[in-house]
N, C-alpha and C. Protein backbone atom coordinates (compact mmCIF):
# COMPACT_ATOMS: atom_id res chain seq x y z
N UNK A 1 -63.51 48.57 42.62
CA UNK A 1 -63.86 49.32 41.42
C UNK A 1 -64.05 50.80 41.76
N UNK A 2 -63.55 51.64 40.87
CA UNK A 2 -63.69 53.08 41.09
C UNK A 2 -64.66 53.62 40.05
N UNK A 3 -65.73 54.28 40.52
CA UNK A 3 -66.71 54.89 39.62
C UNK A 3 -66.46 56.38 39.54
N UNK A 4 -66.75 56.94 38.40
CA UNK A 4 -66.72 58.39 38.25
C UNK A 4 -65.31 58.92 38.10
N UNK A 5 -65.24 60.16 37.66
CA UNK A 5 -63.95 60.81 37.43
C UNK A 5 -63.24 61.06 38.76
N UNK A 6 -64.03 61.27 39.83
CA UNK A 6 -63.45 61.55 41.14
C UNK A 6 -62.90 60.30 41.79
N UNK A 7 -63.56 59.17 41.57
CA UNK A 7 -63.12 57.91 42.15
C UNK A 7 -63.36 57.88 43.65
N UNK A 8 -62.90 56.84 44.29
CA UNK A 8 -63.01 56.74 45.74
C UNK A 8 -64.43 56.46 46.21
N UNK A 9 -64.65 56.62 47.51
CA UNK A 9 -65.94 56.27 48.12
C UNK A 9 -67.07 57.19 47.65
N UNK A 10 -66.75 58.47 47.49
CA UNK A 10 -67.79 59.44 47.07
C UNK A 10 -68.37 59.03 45.72
N UNK A 11 -67.49 58.62 44.79
CA UNK A 11 -67.94 58.18 43.48
C UNK A 11 -68.83 56.96 43.57
N UNK A 12 -68.44 56.00 44.42
CA UNK A 12 -69.21 54.77 44.57
C UNK A 12 -70.59 55.05 45.14
N UNK A 13 -70.66 55.94 46.14
CA UNK A 13 -71.95 56.27 46.76
C UNK A 13 -72.86 56.96 45.76
N UNK A 14 -72.29 57.88 44.96
CA UNK A 14 -73.09 58.59 43.97
C UNK A 14 -73.62 57.61 42.92
N UNK A 15 -72.77 56.67 42.52
CA UNK A 15 -73.16 55.70 41.50
C UNK A 15 -74.37 54.90 41.96
N UNK A 16 -74.35 54.46 43.23
CA UNK A 16 -75.46 53.65 43.74
C UNK A 16 -76.72 54.49 43.89
N UNK A 17 -76.55 55.75 44.32
CA UNK A 17 -77.71 56.60 44.60
C UNK A 17 -78.43 57.01 43.32
N UNK A 18 -77.68 57.48 42.33
CA UNK A 18 -78.32 57.99 41.11
C UNK A 18 -77.34 57.86 39.95
N UNK A 19 -77.38 56.74 39.23
CA UNK A 19 -76.41 56.53 38.15
C UNK A 19 -76.52 57.54 37.01
N UNK A 20 -77.74 58.03 36.73
CA UNK A 20 -77.93 58.99 35.64
C UNK A 20 -77.24 60.31 35.98
N UNK A 21 -77.44 60.78 37.21
CA UNK A 21 -76.81 62.03 37.66
C UNK A 21 -75.29 61.88 37.65
N UNK A 22 -74.80 60.70 38.03
CA UNK A 22 -73.36 60.49 38.08
C UNK A 22 -72.75 60.54 36.68
N UNK A 23 -73.46 59.99 35.68
CA UNK A 23 -72.98 60.07 34.30
C UNK A 23 -72.84 61.53 33.87
N UNK A 24 -73.82 62.33 34.28
CA UNK A 24 -73.78 63.77 33.95
C UNK A 24 -72.57 64.42 34.62
N UNK A 25 -72.30 64.05 35.87
CA UNK A 25 -71.16 64.60 36.60
C UNK A 25 -69.85 64.24 35.88
N UNK A 26 -69.76 62.99 35.40
CA UNK A 26 -68.56 62.56 34.67
C UNK A 26 -68.39 63.41 33.41
N UNK A 27 -69.50 63.65 32.70
CA UNK A 27 -69.44 64.46 31.48
C UNK A 27 -68.96 65.88 31.80
N UNK A 28 -69.51 66.47 32.85
CA UNK A 28 -69.14 67.83 33.24
C UNK A 28 -67.66 67.88 33.62
N UNK A 29 -67.20 66.88 34.40
CA UNK A 29 -65.79 66.84 34.80
C UNK A 29 -64.88 66.71 33.58
N UNK A 30 -65.30 65.89 32.60
CA UNK A 30 -64.51 65.73 31.38
C UNK A 30 -64.40 67.05 30.64
N UNK A 31 -65.52 67.79 30.55
CA UNK A 31 -65.51 69.09 29.87
C UNK A 31 -64.60 70.06 30.61
N UNK A 32 -64.67 70.06 31.94
CA UNK A 32 -63.83 70.96 32.73
C UNK A 32 -62.35 70.66 32.52
N UNK A 33 -62.01 69.37 32.44
CA UNK A 33 -60.61 68.99 32.19
C UNK A 33 -60.18 69.50 30.83
N UNK A 34 -61.06 69.38 29.83
CA UNK A 34 -60.73 69.86 28.48
C UNK A 34 -60.58 71.38 28.46
N UNK A 35 -61.42 72.08 29.23
CA UNK A 35 -61.36 73.53 29.26
C UNK A 35 -60.12 74.03 30.01
N UNK A 36 -59.66 73.23 30.98
CA UNK A 36 -58.55 73.67 31.81
C UNK A 36 -57.24 73.76 31.03
N UNK A 37 -57.05 72.88 30.05
CA UNK A 37 -55.80 72.88 29.29
C UNK A 37 -55.53 74.22 28.60
N UNK A 38 -56.48 74.75 27.77
CA UNK A 38 -56.21 76.05 27.16
C UNK A 38 -56.08 77.18 28.18
N UNK A 39 -56.82 77.10 29.28
CA UNK A 39 -56.70 78.14 30.30
C UNK A 39 -55.31 78.14 30.93
N UNK A 40 -54.75 76.93 31.16
CA UNK A 40 -53.38 76.83 31.68
C UNK A 40 -52.40 77.47 30.70
N UNK A 41 -52.64 77.23 29.40
CA UNK A 41 -51.78 77.80 28.36
C UNK A 41 -51.83 79.32 28.40
N UNK A 42 -53.05 79.87 28.52
CA UNK A 42 -53.23 81.32 28.55
C UNK A 42 -52.56 81.92 29.78
N UNK A 43 -52.74 81.28 30.93
CA UNK A 43 -52.15 81.82 32.16
C UNK A 43 -50.63 81.73 32.11
N UNK A 44 -50.11 80.67 31.49
CA UNK A 44 -48.66 80.54 31.35
C UNK A 44 -48.11 81.64 30.45
N UNK A 45 -48.83 81.91 29.36
CA UNK A 45 -48.42 82.99 28.44
C UNK A 45 -48.46 84.33 29.16
N UNK A 46 -49.52 84.56 29.92
CA UNK A 46 -49.65 85.81 30.66
C UNK A 46 -48.50 85.97 31.66
N UNK A 47 -48.11 84.84 32.28
CA UNK A 47 -47.02 84.87 33.25
C UNK A 47 -45.71 85.24 32.57
N UNK A 48 -45.48 84.69 31.37
CA UNK A 48 -44.24 84.99 30.63
C UNK A 48 -44.21 86.46 30.24
N UNK A 49 -45.35 86.97 29.75
CA UNK A 49 -45.43 88.38 29.36
C UNK A 49 -45.17 89.28 30.57
N UNK A 50 -45.77 88.92 31.72
CA UNK A 50 -45.59 89.70 32.95
C UNK A 50 -44.13 89.67 33.39
N UNK A 51 -43.47 88.52 33.23
CA UNK A 51 -42.08 88.39 33.63
C UNK A 51 -41.19 89.27 32.76
N UNK A 52 -41.49 89.32 31.45
CA UNK A 52 -40.69 90.13 30.53
C UNK A 52 -40.95 91.62 30.72
N UNK A 53 -42.13 91.94 31.27
CA UNK A 53 -42.54 93.32 31.57
C UNK A 53 -42.48 94.24 30.35
N UNK A 54 -42.58 93.66 29.15
CA UNK A 54 -42.67 94.48 27.94
C UNK A 54 -43.99 94.13 27.26
N UNK A 55 -44.68 95.14 26.70
CA UNK A 55 -45.95 94.84 26.06
C UNK A 55 -45.75 93.89 24.88
N UNK A 56 -46.65 92.94 24.68
CA UNK A 56 -46.50 92.02 23.56
C UNK A 56 -46.56 92.75 22.23
N UNK A 57 -45.76 92.29 21.29
CA UNK A 57 -45.67 92.95 19.98
C UNK A 57 -47.00 92.91 19.22
N UNK A 58 -47.85 91.92 19.55
CA UNK A 58 -49.14 91.77 18.86
C UNK A 58 -49.98 93.04 19.02
N UNK A 59 -49.83 93.70 20.16
CA UNK A 59 -50.63 94.88 20.43
C UNK A 59 -50.25 96.05 19.53
N UNK A 60 -49.05 96.03 18.93
CA UNK A 60 -48.56 97.16 18.15
C UNK A 60 -48.94 97.08 16.67
N UNK A 61 -49.87 96.16 16.32
CA UNK A 61 -50.29 96.06 14.93
C UNK A 61 -51.09 97.31 14.57
N UNK A 62 -50.68 97.97 13.48
CA UNK A 62 -51.47 99.12 13.01
C UNK A 62 -52.29 98.65 11.82
N UNK A 63 -53.61 98.71 11.96
CA UNK A 63 -54.49 98.23 10.90
C UNK A 63 -54.51 99.24 9.77
N UNK A 64 -54.49 98.77 8.53
CA UNK A 64 -54.55 99.71 7.40
C UNK A 64 -55.90 100.43 7.37
N UNK A 65 -55.85 101.74 7.30
CA UNK A 65 -57.06 102.55 7.30
C UNK A 65 -57.29 103.04 5.87
N UNK A 66 -58.52 102.93 5.40
CA UNK A 66 -58.84 103.38 4.04
C UNK A 66 -58.66 104.89 3.95
N UNK A 67 -57.93 105.32 2.94
CA UNK A 67 -57.69 106.76 2.74
C UNK A 67 -59.00 107.44 2.30
N UNK A 68 -59.30 108.59 2.86
CA UNK A 68 -60.51 109.30 2.41
C UNK A 68 -60.31 109.80 0.97
N UNK A 69 -61.29 109.57 0.13
CA UNK A 69 -61.14 109.95 -1.28
C UNK A 69 -61.64 111.39 -1.52
C-alpha cells in the first residue's frame, strides 16, 4: 500500500508516525499540483512571447481618456 501523494517508504513512515500531519501534507501537495498547472501555462506563454521577440499586442491597448470639459 502506498500512503500519501509522495508514495513509497517515506509516505508509509510518515503515515505511521503522525497521520494527521500526513493528511495535511497530502492537502498541501494537492494544492501545489493545482497551482502548478496555471504557472506552467504562464511560463509557456512567456516562452512563446520571448521566442517571437515582439511585444504582445495586449500591451498596446490605449485606454479611452475622458476629454477635459
